[in-house]
Amino acid sequence: AANEAKDNVKYLYSLEKYYDPLYNSDPVSM
């Protein structure tokens, strides 16, 4: 379970730069 959580955190962190615009941008910029 710890290994699963560690692996998932690692990969989900890699998405951060891609999903930040979903939170911070207008629809066109998204």
Full PDB file with SEQRES, HELIX, SHEET, SSBOND, CRYST1, ORIGX, SCALE, CONECT and MASTER records, all heavy atoms in Angstrom:
SEQRES   1 A   30  ALA ALA ASN GLU ALA LYS ASP ASN VAL LYS TYR LEU TYR          
SEQRES   2 A   30  SER LEU GLU LYS TYR TYR ASP PRO LEU TYR ASN SER ASP          
SEQRES   3 A   30  PRO VAL SER MET                                              
HELIX    1 AA1 ALA A    2  ASN A   24  1                                  23    
CRYST1    1.000    1.000    1.000  90.00  90.00  90.00 P 1           1          
ORIGX1      1.000000  0.000000  0.000000        0.00000                         
ORIGX2      0.000000  1.000000  0.000000        0.00000                         
ORIGX3      0.000000  0.000000  1.000000        0.00000                         
SCALE1      1.000000  0.000000  0.000000        0.00000                         
SCALE2      0.000000  1.000000  0.000000        0.00000                         
SCALE3      0.000000  0.000000  1.000000        0.00000                         
ATOM      1  N   ALA A   1       0.835  -1.211   0.000  1.00  0.00           N  
ATOM      2  CA  ALA A   1       0.000   0.000   0.000  1.00  0.00           C  
ATOM      3  C   ALA A   1       0.866   1.255   0.000  1.00  0.00           C  
ATOM      4  O   ALA A   1       0.556   2.237  -0.691  1.00  0.00           O  
ATOM      5  CB  ALA A   1      -0.938  -0.009   1.205  1.00  0.00           C  
ATOM      6  N   ALA A   2       1.955   1.241   0.741  1.00  0.00           N  
ATOM      7  CA  ALA A   2       2.872   2.389   0.759  1.00  0.00           C  
ATOM      8  C   ALA A   2       3.518   2.573  -0.608  1.00  0.00           C  
ATOM      9  O   ALA A   2       3.651   3.701  -1.099  1.00  0.00           O  
ATOM     10  CB  ALA A   2       3.942   2.200   1.836  1.00  0.00           C  
ATOM     11  N   ASN A   3       3.920   1.477  -1.228  1.00  0.00           N  
ATOM     12  CA  ASN A   3       4.523   1.558  -2.569  1.00  0.00           C  
ATOM     13  C   ASN A   3       3.522   2.081  -3.594  1.00  0.00           C  
ATOM     14  O   ASN A   3       3.879   2.864  -4.474  1.00  0.00           O  
ATOM     15  CB  ASN A   3       5.067   0.199  -2.993  1.00  0.00           C  
ATOM     16  CG  ASN A   3       6.317  -0.182  -2.249  1.00  0.00           C  
ATOM     17  OD1 ASN A   3       7.026   0.668  -1.711  1.00  0.00           O  
ATOM     18  ND2 ASN A   3       6.589  -1.470  -2.173  1.00  0.00           N  
ATOM     19  N   GLU A   4       2.268   1.635  -3.489  1.00  0.00           N  
ATOM     20  CA  GLU A   4       1.232   2.133  -4.402  1.00  0.00           C  
ATOM     21  C   GLU A   4       1.038   3.630  -4.231  1.00  0.00           C  
ATOM     22  O   GLU A   4       1.006   4.382  -5.210  1.00  0.00           O  
ATOM     23  CB  GLU A   4      -0.092   1.410  -4.146  1.00  0.00           C  
ATOM     24  CG  GLU A   4      -1.226   1.958  -5.007  1.00  0.00           C  
ATOM     25  CD  GLU A   4      -2.569   1.329  -4.714  1.00  0.00           C  
ATOM     26  OE1 GLU A   4      -2.765   0.743  -3.637  1.00  0.00           O  
ATOM     27  OE2 GLU A   4      -3.452   1.431  -5.588  1.00  0.00           O  
ATOM     28  N   ALA A   5       0.934   4.076  -2.986  1.00  0.00           N  
ATOM     29  CA  ALA A   5       0.743   5.505  -2.732  1.00  0.00           C  
ATOM     30  C   ALA A   5       1.940   6.313  -3.238  1.00  0.00           C  
ATOM     31  O   ALA A   5       1.770   7.364  -3.869  1.00  0.00           O  
ATOM     32  CB  ALA A   5       0.518   5.748  -1.238  1.00  0.00           C  
ATOM     33  N   LYS A   6       3.145   5.826  -2.998  1.00  0.00           N  
ATOM     34  CA  LYS A   6       4.357   6.527  -3.451  1.00  0.00           C  
ATOM     35  C   LYS A   6       4.387   6.635  -4.975  1.00  0.00           C  
ATOM     36  O   LYS A   6       4.663   7.695  -5.536  1.00  0.00           O  
ATOM     37  CB  LYS A   6       5.595   5.782  -2.954  1.00  0.00           C  
ATOM     38  CG  LYS A   6       6.898   6.427  -3.344  1.00  0.00           C  
ATOM     39  CD  LYS A   6       8.079   5.615  -2.834  1.00  0.00           C  
ATOM     40  CE  LYS A   6       9.380   6.214  -3.310  1.00  0.00           C  
ATOM     41  NZ  LYS A   6      10.529   5.384  -2.921  1.00  0.00           N  
ATOM     42  N   ASP A   7       4.090   5.539  -5.641  1.00  0.00           N  
ATOM     43  CA  ASP A   7       4.068   5.512  -7.102  1.00  0.00           C  
ATOM     44  C   ASP A   7       3.003   6.468  -7.645  1.00  0.00           C  
ATOM     45  O   ASP A   7       3.262   7.248  -8.569  1.00  0.00           O  
ATOM     46  CB  ASP A   7       3.797   4.075  -7.569  1.00  0.00           C  
ATOM     47  CG  ASP A   7       4.084   3.860  -9.037  1.00  0.00           C  
ATOM     48  OD1 ASP A   7       5.241   4.041  -9.458  1.00  0.00           O  
ATOM     49  OD2 ASP A   7       3.136   3.490  -9.780  1.00  0.00           O  
ATOM     50  N   ASN A   8       1.816   6.425  -7.064  1.00  0.00           N  
ATOM     51  CA  ASN A   8       0.730   7.277  -7.541  1.00  0.00           C  
ATOM     52  C   ASN A   8       1.021   8.751  -7.314  1.00  0.00           C  
ATOM     53  O   ASN A   8       0.731   9.583  -8.178  1.00  0.00           O  
ATOM     54  CB  ASN A   8      -0.586   6.872  -6.888  1.00  0.00           C  
ATOM     55  CG  ASN A   8      -1.075   5.522  -7.371  1.00  0.00           C  
ATOM     56  OD1 ASN A   8      -0.549   4.966  -8.327  1.00  0.00           O  
ATOM     57  ND2 ASN A   8      -2.058   4.979  -6.696  1.00  0.00           N  
ATOM     58  N   VAL A   9       1.603   9.084  -6.160  1.00  0.00           N  
ATOM     59  CA  VAL A   9       1.976  10.482  -5.893  1.00  0.00           C  
ATOM     60  C   VAL A   9       2.997  10.955  -6.924  1.00  0.00           C  
ATOM     61  O   VAL A   9       2.884  12.051  -7.478  1.00  0.00           O  
ATOM     62  CB  VAL A   9       2.510  10.654  -4.445  1.00  0.00           C  
ATOM     63  CG1 VAL A   9       3.222  11.985  -4.271  1.00  0.00           C  
ATOM     64  CG2 VAL A   9       1.368  10.514  -3.454  1.00  0.00           C  
ATOM     65  N   LYS A  10       3.976  10.118  -7.210  1.00  0.00           N  
ATOM     66  CA  LYS A  10       5.011  10.482  -8.185  1.00  0.00           C  
ATOM     67  C   LYS A  10       4.387  10.812  -9.543  1.00  0.00           C  
ATOM     68  O   LYS A  10       4.678  11.853 -10.136  1.00  0.00           O  
ATOM     69  CB  LYS A  10       6.018   9.337  -8.329  1.00  0.00           C  
ATOM     70  CG  LYS A  10       7.076   9.569  -9.396  1.00  0.00           C  
ATOM     71  CD  LYS A  10       8.063   8.429  -9.471  1.00  0.00           C  
ATOM     72  CE  LYS A  10       7.485   7.240 -10.179  1.00  0.00           C  
ATOM     73  NZ  LYS A  10       8.449   6.172 -10.459  1.00  0.00           N  
ATOM     74  N   TYR A  11       3.519   9.951 -10.018  1.00  0.00           N  
ATOM     75  CA  TYR A  11       2.926  10.169 -11.332  1.00  0.00           C  
ATOM     76  C   TYR A  11       1.912  11.305 -11.339  1.00  0.00           C  
ATOM     77  O   TYR A  11       1.834  12.065 -12.307  1.00  0.00           O  
ATOM     78  CB  TYR A  11       2.303   8.880 -11.871  1.00  0.00           C  
ATOM     79  CG  TYR A  11       3.359   7.907 -12.320  1.00  0.00           C  
ATOM     80  CD1 TYR A  11       3.587   6.729 -11.633  1.00  0.00           C  
ATOM     81  CD2 TYR A  11       4.174   8.189 -13.415  1.00  0.00           C  
ATOM     82  CE1 TYR A  11       4.579   5.844 -12.035  1.00  0.00           C  
ATOM     83  CE2 TYR A  11       5.167   7.316 -13.821  1.00  0.00           C  
ATOM     84  CZ  TYR A  11       5.361   6.141 -13.126  1.00  0.00           C  
ATOM     85  OH  TYR A  11       6.350   5.283 -13.516  1.00  0.00           O  
ATOM     86  N   LEU A  12       1.145  11.439 -10.278  1.00  0.00           N  
ATOM     87  CA  LEU A  12       0.168  12.527 -10.229  1.00  0.00           C  
ATOM     88  C   LEU A  12       0.854  13.889 -10.116  1.00  0.00           C  
ATOM     89  O   LEU A  12       0.363  14.877 -10.645  1.00  0.00           O  
ATOM     90  CB  LEU A  12      -0.828  12.305  -9.098  1.00  0.00           C  
ATOM     91  CG  LEU A  12      -1.792  11.144  -9.332  1.00  0.00           C  
ATOM     92  CD1 LEU A  12      -2.560  10.817  -8.068  1.00  0.00           C  
ATOM     93  CD2 LEU A  12      -2.732  11.440 -10.493  1.00  0.00           C  
ATOM     94  N   TYR A  13       1.999  13.939  -9.435  1.00  0.00           N  
ATOM     95  CA  TYR A  13       2.775  15.186  -9.399  1.00  0.00           C  
ATOM     96  C   TYR A  13       3.224  15.578 -10.811  1.00  0.00           C  
ATOM     97  O   TYR A  13       3.290  16.759 -11.138  1.00  0.00           O  
ATOM     98  CB  TYR A  13       4.010  15.047  -8.509  1.00  0.00           C  
ATOM     99  CG  TYR A  13       3.858  15.647  -7.143  1.00  0.00           C  
ATOM    100  CD1 TYR A  13       4.151  14.898  -6.017  1.00  0.00           C  
ATOM    101  CD2 TYR A  13       3.438  16.962  -6.954  1.00  0.00           C  
ATOM    102  CE1 TYR A  13       4.021  15.427  -4.743  1.00  0.00           C  
ATOM    103  CE2 TYR A  13       3.310  17.502  -5.691  1.00  0.00           C  
ATOM    104  CZ  TYR A  13       3.598  16.730  -4.593  1.00  0.00           C  
ATOM    105  OH  TYR A  13       3.466  17.259  -3.341  1.00  0.00           O  
ATOM    106  N   SER A  14       3.510  14.595 -11.643  1.00  0.00           N  
ATOM    107  CA  SER A  14       3.953  14.906 -13.006  1.00  0.00           C  
ATOM    108  C   SER A  14       2.846  15.559 -13.829  1.00  0.00           C  
ATOM    109  O   SER A  14       3.121  16.204 -14.840  1.00  0.00           O  
ATOM    110  CB  SER A  14       4.467  13.643 -13.709  1.00  0.00           C  
ATOM    111  OG  SER A  14       3.402  12.788 -14.065  1.00  0.00           O  
ATOM    112  N   LEU A  15       1.607  15.414 -13.404  1.00  0.00           N  
ATOM    113  CA  LEU A  15       0.481  16.029 -14.119  1.00  0.00           C  
ATOM    114  C   LEU A  15       0.250  17.481 -13.721  1.00  0.00           C  
ATOM    115  O   LEU A  15      -0.444  18.209 -14.429  1.00  0.00           O  
ATOM    116  CB  LEU A  15      -0.821  15.261 -13.825  1.00  0.00           C  
ATOM    117  CG  LEU A  15      -0.940  13.847 -14.326  1.00  0.00           C  
ATOM    118  CD1 LEU A  15      -2.282  13.275 -13.918  1.00  0.00           C  
ATOM    119  CD2 LEU A  15      -0.779  13.788 -15.828  1.00  0.00           C  
ATOM    120  N   GLU A  16       0.807  17.883 -12.603  1.00  0.00           N  
ATOM    121  CA  GLU A  16       0.504  19.189 -12.031  1.00  0.00           C  
ATOM    122  C   GLU A  16       0.675  20.343 -13.019  1.00  0.00           C  
ATOM    123  O   GLU A  16      -0.192  21.214 -13.128  1.00  0.00           O  
ATOM    124  CB  GLU A  16       1.371  19.424 -10.795  1.00  0.00           C  
ATOM    125  CG  GLU A  16       0.683  20.197  -9.735  1.00  0.00           C  
ATOM    126  CD  GLU A  16       1.467  20.187  -8.430  1.00  0.00           C  
ATOM    127  OE1 GLU A  16       2.684  19.905  -8.421  1.00  0.00           O  
ATOM    128  OE2 GLU A  16       0.847  20.487  -7.420  1.00  0.00           O  
ATOM    129  N   LYS A  17       1.768  20.336 -13.755  1.00  0.00           N  
ATOM    130  CA  LYS A  17       2.003  21.448 -14.690  1.00  0.00           C  
ATOM    131  C   LYS A  17       0.967  21.481 -15.805  1.00  0.00           C  
ATOM    132  O   LYS A  17       0.725  22.512 -16.413  1.00  0.00           O  
ATOM    133  CB  LYS A  17       3.419  21.392 -15.255  1.00  0.00           C  
ATOM    134  CG  LYS A  17       3.710  20.201 -16.143  1.00  0.00           C  
ATOM    135  CD  LYS A  17       5.147  20.224 -16.612  1.00  0.00           C  
ATOM    136  CE  LYS A  17       5.480  18.960 -17.368  1.00  0.00           C  
ATOM    137  NZ  LYS A  17       6.890  18.872 -17.684  1.00  0.00           N  
ATOM    138  N   TYR A  18       0.344  20.332 -16.068  1.00  0.00           N  
ATOM    139  CA  TYR A  18      -0.667  20.273 -17.124  1.00  0.00           C  
ATOM    140  C   TYR A  18      -2.064  20.634 -16.617  1.00  0.00           C  
ATOM    141  O   TYR A  18      -2.863  21.190 -17.349  1.00  0.00           O  
ATOM    142  CB  TYR A  18      -0.711  18.883 -17.759  1.00  0.00           C  
ATOM    143  CG  TYR A  18       0.590  18.495 -18.408  1.00  0.00           C  
ATOM    144  CD1 TYR A  18       1.412  17.543 -17.839  1.00  0.00           C  
ATOM    145  CD2 TYR A  18       0.999  19.097 -19.599  1.00  0.00           C  
ATOM    146  CE1 TYR A  18       2.615  17.184 -18.439  1.00  0.00           C  
ATOM    147  CE2 TYR A  18       2.197  18.752 -20.201  1.00  0.00           C  
ATOM    148  CZ  TYR A  18       2.999  17.791 -19.608  1.00  0.00           C  
ATOM    149  OH  TYR A  18       4.186  17.445 -20.205  1.00  0.00           O  
ATOM    150  N   TYR A  19      -2.355  20.296 -15.354  1.00  0.00           N  
ATOM    151  CA  TYR A  19      -3.700  20.611 -14.892  1.00  0.00           C  
ATOM    152  C   TYR A  19      -3.804  21.944 -14.164  1.00  0.00           C  
ATOM    153  O   TYR A  19      -4.902  22.435 -13.934  1.00  0.00           O  
ATOM    154  CB  TYR A  19      -4.329  19.472 -14.082  1.00  0.00           C  
ATOM    155  CG  TYR A  19      -3.723  19.139 -12.745  1.00  0.00           C  
ATOM    156  CD1 TYR A  19      -3.744  20.031 -11.682  1.00  0.00           C  
ATOM    157  CD2 TYR A  19      -3.186  17.880 -12.515  1.00  0.00           C  
ATOM    158  CE1 TYR A  19      -3.216  19.698 -10.456  1.00  0.00           C  
ATOM    159  CE2 TYR A  19      -2.665  17.536 -11.279  1.00  0.00           C  
ATOM    160  CZ  TYR A  19      -2.684  18.459 -10.251  1.00  0.00           C  
ATOM    161  OH  TYR A  19      -2.166  18.124  -9.035  1.00  0.00           O  
ATOM    162  N   ASP A  20      -2.677  22.575 -13.835  1.00  0.00           N  
ATOM    163  CA  ASP A  20      -2.744  23.908 -13.233  1.00  0.00           C  
ATOM    164  C   ASP A  20      -3.542  24.905 -14.082  1.00  0.00           C  
ATOM    165  O   ASP A  20      -4.326  25.678 -13.536  1.00  0.00           O  
ATOM    166  CB  ASP A  20      -1.349  24.451 -12.927  1.00  0.00           C  
ATOM    167  CG  ASP A  20      -0.857  24.037 -11.552  1.00  0.00           C  
ATOM    168  OD1 ASP A  20      -1.668  23.511 -10.757  1.00  0.00           O  
ATOM    169  OD2 ASP A  20       0.341  24.235 -11.266  1.00  0.00           O  
ATOM    170  N   PRO A  21      -3.369  24.905 -15.417  1.00  0.00           N  
ATOM    171  CA  PRO A  21      -4.180  25.827 -16.225  1.00  0.00           C  
ATOM    172  C   PRO A  21      -5.695  25.586 -16.094  1.00  0.00           C  
ATOM    173  O   PRO A  21      -6.481  26.516 -16.298  1.00  0.00           O  
ATOM    174  CB  PRO A  21      -3.722  25.556 -17.663  1.00  0.00           C  
ATOM    175  CG  PRO A  21      -2.333  25.043 -17.515  1.00  0.00           C  
ATOM    176  CD  PRO A  21      -2.353  24.246 -16.237  1.00  0.00           C  
ATOM    177  N   LEU A  22      -6.102  24.381 -15.727  1.00  0.00           N  
ATOM    178  CA  LEU A  22      -7.526  24.119 -15.538  1.00  0.00           C  
ATOM    179  C   LEU A  22      -8.068  24.900 -14.343  1.00  0.00           C  
ATOM    180  O   LEU A  22      -9.245  25.226 -14.288  1.00  0.00           O  
ATOM    181  CB  LEU A  22      -7.786  22.624 -15.325  1.00  0.00           C  
ATOM    182  CG  LEU A  22      -7.307  21.665 -16.407  1.00  0.00           C  
ATOM    183  CD1 LEU A  22      -7.663  20.234 -16.030  1.00  0.00           C  
ATOM    184  CD2 LEU A  22      -7.898  22.019 -17.757  1.00  0.00           C  
ATOM    185  N   TYR A  23      -7.190  25.202 -13.394  1.00  0.00           N  
ATOM    186  CA  TYR A  23      -7.585  25.941 -12.205  1.00  0.00           C  
ATOM    187  C   TYR A  23      -7.383  27.451 -12.377  1.00  0.00           C  
ATOM    188  O   TYR A  23      -8.083  28.231 -11.758  1.00  0.00           O  
ATOM    189  CB  TYR A  23      -6.761  25.485 -10.994  1.00  0.00           C  
ATOM    190  CG  TYR A  23      -7.111  24.105 -10.493  1.00  0.00           C  
ATOM    191  CD1 TYR A  23      -6.453  22.983 -10.973  1.00  0.00           C  
ATOM    192  CD2 TYR A  23      -8.094  23.926  -9.527  1.00  0.00           C  
ATOM    193  CE1 TYR A  23      -6.759  21.715 -10.506  1.00  0.00           C  
ATOM    194  CE2 TYR A  23      -8.417  22.664  -9.068  1.00  0.00           C  
ATOM    195  CZ  TYR A  23      -7.745  21.567  -9.551  1.00  0.00           C  
ATOM    196  OH  TYR A  23      -8.055  20.308  -9.090  1.00  0.00           O  
ATOM    197  N   ASN A  24      -6.393  27.822 -13.176  1.00  0.00           N  
ATOM    198  CA  ASN A  24      -5.945  29.220 -13.186  1.00  0.00           C  
ATOM    199  C   ASN A  24      -6.195  29.976 -14.481  1.00  0.00           C  
ATOM    200  O   ASN A  24      -5.797  31.124 -14.590  1.00  0.00           O  
ATOM    201  CB  ASN A  24      -4.440  29.268 -12.880  1.00  0.00           C  
ATOM    202  CG  ASN A  24      -4.100  28.591 -11.575  1.00  0.00           C  
ATOM    203  OD1 ASN A  24      -4.828  28.706 -10.608  1.00  0.00           O  
ATOM    204  ND2 ASN A  24      -2.997  27.866 -11.547  1.00  0.00           N  
ATOM    205  N   SER A  25      -6.797  29.359 -15.476  1.00  0.00           N  
ATOM    206  CA  SER A  25      -6.923  30.005 -16.782  1.00  0.00           C  
ATOM    207  C   SER A  25      -8.380  30.141 -17.203  1.00  0.00           C  
ATOM    208  O   SER A  25      -9.260  29.484 -16.661  1.00  0.00           O  
ATOM    209  CB  SER A  25      -6.190  29.192 -17.858  1.00  0.00           C  
ATOM    210  OG  SER A  25      -4.831  29.060 -17.545  1.00  0.00           O  
ATOM    211  N   ASP A  26      -8.553  30.962 -18.207  1.00  0.00           N  
ATOM    212  CA  ASP A  26      -9.873  31.063 -18.812  1.00  0.00           C  
ATOM    213  C   ASP A  26     -10.064  29.869 -19.750  1.00  0.00           C  
ATOM    214  O   ASP A  26      -9.093  29.194 -20.107  1.00  0.00           O  
ATOM    215  CB  ASP A  26      -9.995  32.387 -19.574  1.00  0.00           C  
ATOM    216  CG  ASP A  26      -8.960  32.490 -20.671  1.00  0.00           C  
ATOM    217  OD1 ASP A  26      -7.836  32.975 -20.387  1.00  0.00           O  
ATOM    218  OD2 ASP A  26      -9.274  32.085 -21.810  1.00  0.00           O  
ATOM    219  N   PRO A  27     -11.295  29.590 -20.161  1.00  0.00           N  
ATOM    220  CA  PRO A  27     -11.552  28.405 -20.997  1.00  0.00           C  
ATOM    221  C   PRO A  27     -10.720  28.326 -22.280  1.00  0.00           C  
ATOM    222  O   PRO A  27     -10.285  27.253 -22.676  1.00  0.00           O  
ATOM    223  CB  PRO A  27     -13.043  28.497 -21.303  1.00  0.00           C  
ATOM    224  CG  PRO A  27     -13.609  29.248 -20.141  1.00  0.00           C  
ATOM    225  CD  PRO A  27     -12.542  30.230 -19.758  1.00  0.00           C  
ATOM    226  N   VAL A  28     -10.465  29.447 -22.906  1.00  0.00           N  
ATOM    227  CA  VAL A  28      -9.694  29.434 -24.146  1.00  0.00           C  
ATOM    228  C   VAL A  28      -8.245  29.040 -23.863  1.00  0.00           C  
ATOM    229  O   VAL A  28      -7.659  28.223 -24.584  1.00  0.00           O  
ATOM    230  CB  VAL A  28      -9.767  30.811 -24.862  1.00  0.00           C  
ATOM    231  CG1 VAL A  28      -8.852  30.844 -26.073  1.00  0.00           C  
ATOM    232  CG2 VAL A  28     -11.205  31.123 -25.253  1.00  0.00           C  
ATOM    233  N   SER A  29      -7.670  29.577 -22.796  1.00  0.00           N  
ATOM    234  CA  SER A  29      -6.285  29.245 -22.442  1.00  0.00           C  
ATOM    235  C   SER A  29      -6.139  27.791 -21.998  1.00  0.00           C  
ATOM    236  O   SER A  29      -5.081  27.195 -22.168  1.00  0.00           O  
ATOM    237  CB  SER A  29      -5.791  30.157 -21.326  1.00  0.00           C  
ATOM    238  OG  SER A  29      -5.854  31.502 -21.727  1.00  0.00           O  
ATOM    239  N   MET A  30      -7.198  27.237 -21.427  1.00  0.00           N  
ATOM    240  CA  MET A  30      -7.166  25.837 -20.996  1.00  0.00           C  
ATOM    241  C   MET A  30      -6.920  24.893 -22.161  1.00  0.00           C  
ATOM    242  O   MET A  30      -6.285  23.856 -22.001  1.00  0.00           O  
ATOM    243  CB  MET A  30      -8.511  25.436 -20.367  1.00  0.00           C  
ATOM    244  CG  MET A  30      -8.724  25.875 -18.986  1.00  0.00           C  
ATOM    245  SD  MET A  30     -10.308  25.170 -18.479  1.00  0.00           S  
ATOM    246  CE  MET A  30     -10.790  26.361 -17.276  1.00  0.00           C  
TER     247      MET A  30                                                      
MASTER        0    0    0    1    0    0    0    6  246    1    0    3          
END                                                                             
